[in-house]
Amino acid sequence: MTITVGHERGNDYLVTTEDDRGGTTSHVVTVWPSDVERYAPGADPEELLQAAFEFLLAREPAQAILRRFELPTIERYFPEFPQAMAARFA
């Protein structure tokens, strides 16, 4: 699975996934500076989103991921998300 993260505008980022068969999904994710500080201090939003989508894709297919959401929404579905990001960016 290939994950591509690009800045759209403001605090919105476009995350695209592509599987080995050429299937793609697109997601607009809002990442506030406070989200970066909370989940991955010192990282940039693109790095955090890359890690967040690797986390999500290990738990569900790309087609099941919401098409538009704010990053902390992940935590509602997966309470272990903050700990996983803390371990990743420690």
C-alpha atoms as a PDB file:
ATOM      1  CA  MET A   1       0.000   0.000   0.000  1.00  0.00           C
ATOM      2  CA  THR A   2       1.326   3.411  -0.981  1.00  0.00           C
ATOM      3  CA  ILE A   3       0.322   6.456   1.067  1.00  0.00           C
ATOM      4  CA  THR A   4       0.778   9.942  -0.365  1.00  0.00           C
ATOM      5  CA  VAL A   5       0.249  13.039   1.774  1.00  0.00           C
ATOM      6  CA  GLY A   6      -0.031  16.538   0.350  1.00  0.00           C
ATOM      7  CA  HIS A   7      -0.968  19.889   1.802  1.00  0.00           C
ATOM      8  CA  GLU A   8      -4.232  21.255   0.420  1.00  0.00           C
ATOM      9  CA  ARG A   9      -4.853  24.585   2.149  1.00  0.00           C
ATOM     10  CA  GLY A  10      -4.927  25.867   5.681  1.00  0.00           C
ATOM     11  CA  ASN A  11      -4.971  22.879   8.001  1.00  0.00           C
ATOM     12  CA  ASP A  12      -6.349  20.446   5.398  1.00  0.00           C
ATOM     13  CA  TYR A  13      -4.253  17.669   3.878  1.00  0.00           C
ATOM     14  CA  LEU A  14      -5.069  15.261   1.076  1.00  0.00           C
ATOM     15  CA  VAL A  15      -4.101  11.667   1.810  1.00  0.00           C
ATOM     16  CA  THR A  16      -4.249   9.202  -1.075  1.00  0.00           C
ATOM     17  CA  THR A  17      -3.810   5.470  -0.761  1.00  0.00           C
ATOM     18  CA  GLU A  18      -3.040   3.120  -3.630  1.00  0.00           C
ATOM     19  CA  ASP A  19      -3.003  -0.655  -3.335  1.00  0.00           C
ATOM     20  CA  ASP A  20      -1.016  -3.133  -5.413  1.00  0.00           C
ATOM     21  CA  ARG A  21      -3.963  -3.598  -7.789  1.00  0.00           C
ATOM     22  CA  GLY A  22      -4.235   0.115  -8.557  1.00  0.00           C
ATOM     23  CA  GLY A  23      -7.230   0.813  -6.316  1.00  0.00           C
ATOM     24  CA  THR A  24      -7.093   4.275  -4.794  1.00  0.00           C
ATOM     25  CA  THR A  25      -8.859   6.211  -2.074  1.00  0.00           C
ATOM     26  CA  SER A  26      -8.670   9.904  -1.215  1.00  0.00           C
ATOM     27  CA  HIS A  27      -9.171  11.471   2.198  1.00  0.00           C
ATOM     28  CA  VAL A  28      -9.143  15.097   3.369  1.00  0.00           C
ATOM     29  CA  VAL A  29      -7.843  15.290   6.922  1.00  0.00           C
ATOM     30  CA  THR A  30      -7.738  18.407   9.061  1.00  0.00           C
ATOM     31  CA  VAL A  31      -4.655  18.586  11.281  1.00  0.00           C
ATOM     32  CA  TRP A  32      -4.371  21.455  13.743  1.00  0.00           C
ATOM     33  CA  PRO A  33      -0.992  22.476  15.197  1.00  0.00           C
ATOM     34  CA  SER A  34      -2.293  21.277  18.576  1.00  0.00           C
ATOM     35  CA  ASP A  35      -2.839  17.799  17.051  1.00  0.00           C
ATOM     36  CA  VAL A  36       0.797  17.634  15.965  1.00  0.00           C
ATOM     37  CA  GLU A  37       1.914  18.788  19.411  1.00  0.00           C
ATOM     38  CA  ARG A  38      -0.291  16.190  21.097  1.00  0.00           C
ATOM     39  CA  TYR A  39       0.434  13.147  18.930  1.00  0.00           C
ATOM     40  CA  ALA A  40       3.899  13.797  17.479  1.00  0.00           C
ATOM     41  CA  PRO A  41       5.779  16.724  19.035  1.00  0.00           C
ATOM     42  CA  GLY A  42       8.495  17.973  16.718  1.00  0.00           C
ATOM     43  CA  ALA A  43       7.089  16.210  13.641  1.00  0.00           C
ATOM     44  CA  ASP A  44       5.408  17.910  10.740  1.00  0.00           C
ATOM     45  CA  PRO A  45       1.755  17.260   9.818  1.00  0.00           C
ATOM     46  CA  GLU A  46       2.728  15.178   6.789  1.00  0.00           C
ATOM     47  CA  GLU A  47       4.850  12.827   8.915  1.00  0.00           C
ATOM     48  CA  LEU A  48       2.046  12.488  11.436  1.00  0.00           C
ATOM     49  CA  LEU A  49      -0.502  11.727   8.724  1.00  0.00           C
ATOM     50  CA  GLN A  50       1.775   9.122   7.151  1.00  0.00           C
ATOM     51  CA  ALA A  51       2.043   7.366  10.523  1.00  0.00           C
ATOM     52  CA  ALA A  52      -1.681   7.777  11.216  1.00  0.00           C
ATOM     53  CA  PHE A  53      -2.634   6.140   7.923  1.00  0.00           C
ATOM     54  CA  GLU A  54      -0.162   3.291   8.463  1.00  0.00           C
ATOM     55  CA  PHE A  55      -1.875   2.810  11.837  1.00  0.00           C
ATOM     56  CA  LEU A  56      -5.345   2.874  10.265  1.00  0.00           C
ATOM     57  CA  LEU A  57      -4.469   0.583   7.370  1.00  0.00           C
ATOM     58  CA  ALA A  58      -3.141  -2.019   9.795  1.00  0.00           C
ATOM     59  CA  ARG A  59      -6.647  -2.118  11.297  1.00  0.00           C
ATOM     60  CA  GLU A  60      -9.077  -1.595   8.427  1.00  0.00           C
ATOM     61  CA  PRO A  61      -9.204  -1.431   4.628  1.00  0.00           C
ATOM     62  CA  ALA A  62      -8.637   1.935   2.978  1.00  0.00           C
ATOM     63  CA  GLN A  63     -12.231   1.951   1.721  1.00  0.00           C
ATOM     64  CA  ALA A  64     -13.473   1.924   5.343  1.00  0.00           C
ATOM     65  CA  ILE A  65     -11.554   5.081   6.298  1.00  0.00           C
ATOM     66  CA  LEU A  66     -13.687   8.224   6.414  1.00  0.00           C
ATOM     67  CA  ARG A  67     -13.316  10.482   3.367  1.00  0.00           C
ATOM     68  CA  ARG A  68     -13.126  13.690   5.451  1.00  0.00           C
ATOM     69  CA  PHE A  69     -12.270  13.969   9.131  1.00  0.00           C
ATOM     70  CA  GLU A  70     -10.232  15.780  11.749  1.00  0.00           C
ATOM     71  CA  LEU A  71      -7.239  13.789  12.967  1.00  0.00           C
ATOM     72  CA  PRO A  72      -8.465  13.282  16.579  1.00  0.00           C
ATOM     73  CA  THR A  73     -11.480  11.412  15.161  1.00  0.00           C
ATOM     74  CA  ILE A  74      -9.206   8.365  14.867  1.00  0.00           C
ATOM     75  CA  GLU A  75      -9.036   8.204  18.637  1.00  0.00           C
ATOM     76  CA  ARG A  76     -12.825   7.784  18.889  1.00  0.00           C
ATOM     77  CA  TYR A  77     -12.622   4.575  16.876  1.00  0.00           C
ATOM     78  CA  PHE A  78      -9.210   3.409  18.108  1.00  0.00           C
ATOM     79  CA  PRO A  79      -8.498   4.541  21.698  1.00  0.00           C
ATOM     80  CA  GLU A  80      -4.930   3.212  21.430  1.00  0.00           C
ATOM     81  CA  PHE A  81      -4.055   5.780  18.731  1.00  0.00           C
ATOM     82  CA  PRO A  82      -2.334   8.317  21.048  1.00  0.00           C
ATOM     83  CA  GLN A  83      -0.108   5.638  22.582  1.00  0.00           C
ATOM     84  CA  ALA A  84       0.770   4.239  19.161  1.00  0.00           C
ATOM     85  CA  MET A  85       1.778   7.685  17.906  1.00  0.00           C
ATOM     86  CA  ALA A  86       3.741   8.419  21.087  1.00  0.00           C
ATOM     87  CA  ALA A  87       5.691   5.178  20.595  1.00  0.00           C
ATOM     88  CA  ARG A  88       6.265   5.938  16.922  1.00  0.00           C
ATOM     89  CA  PHE A  89       7.561   9.460  17.527  1.00  0.00           C
ATOM     90  CA  ALA A  90       9.407   8.866  20.828  1.00  0.00           C
END
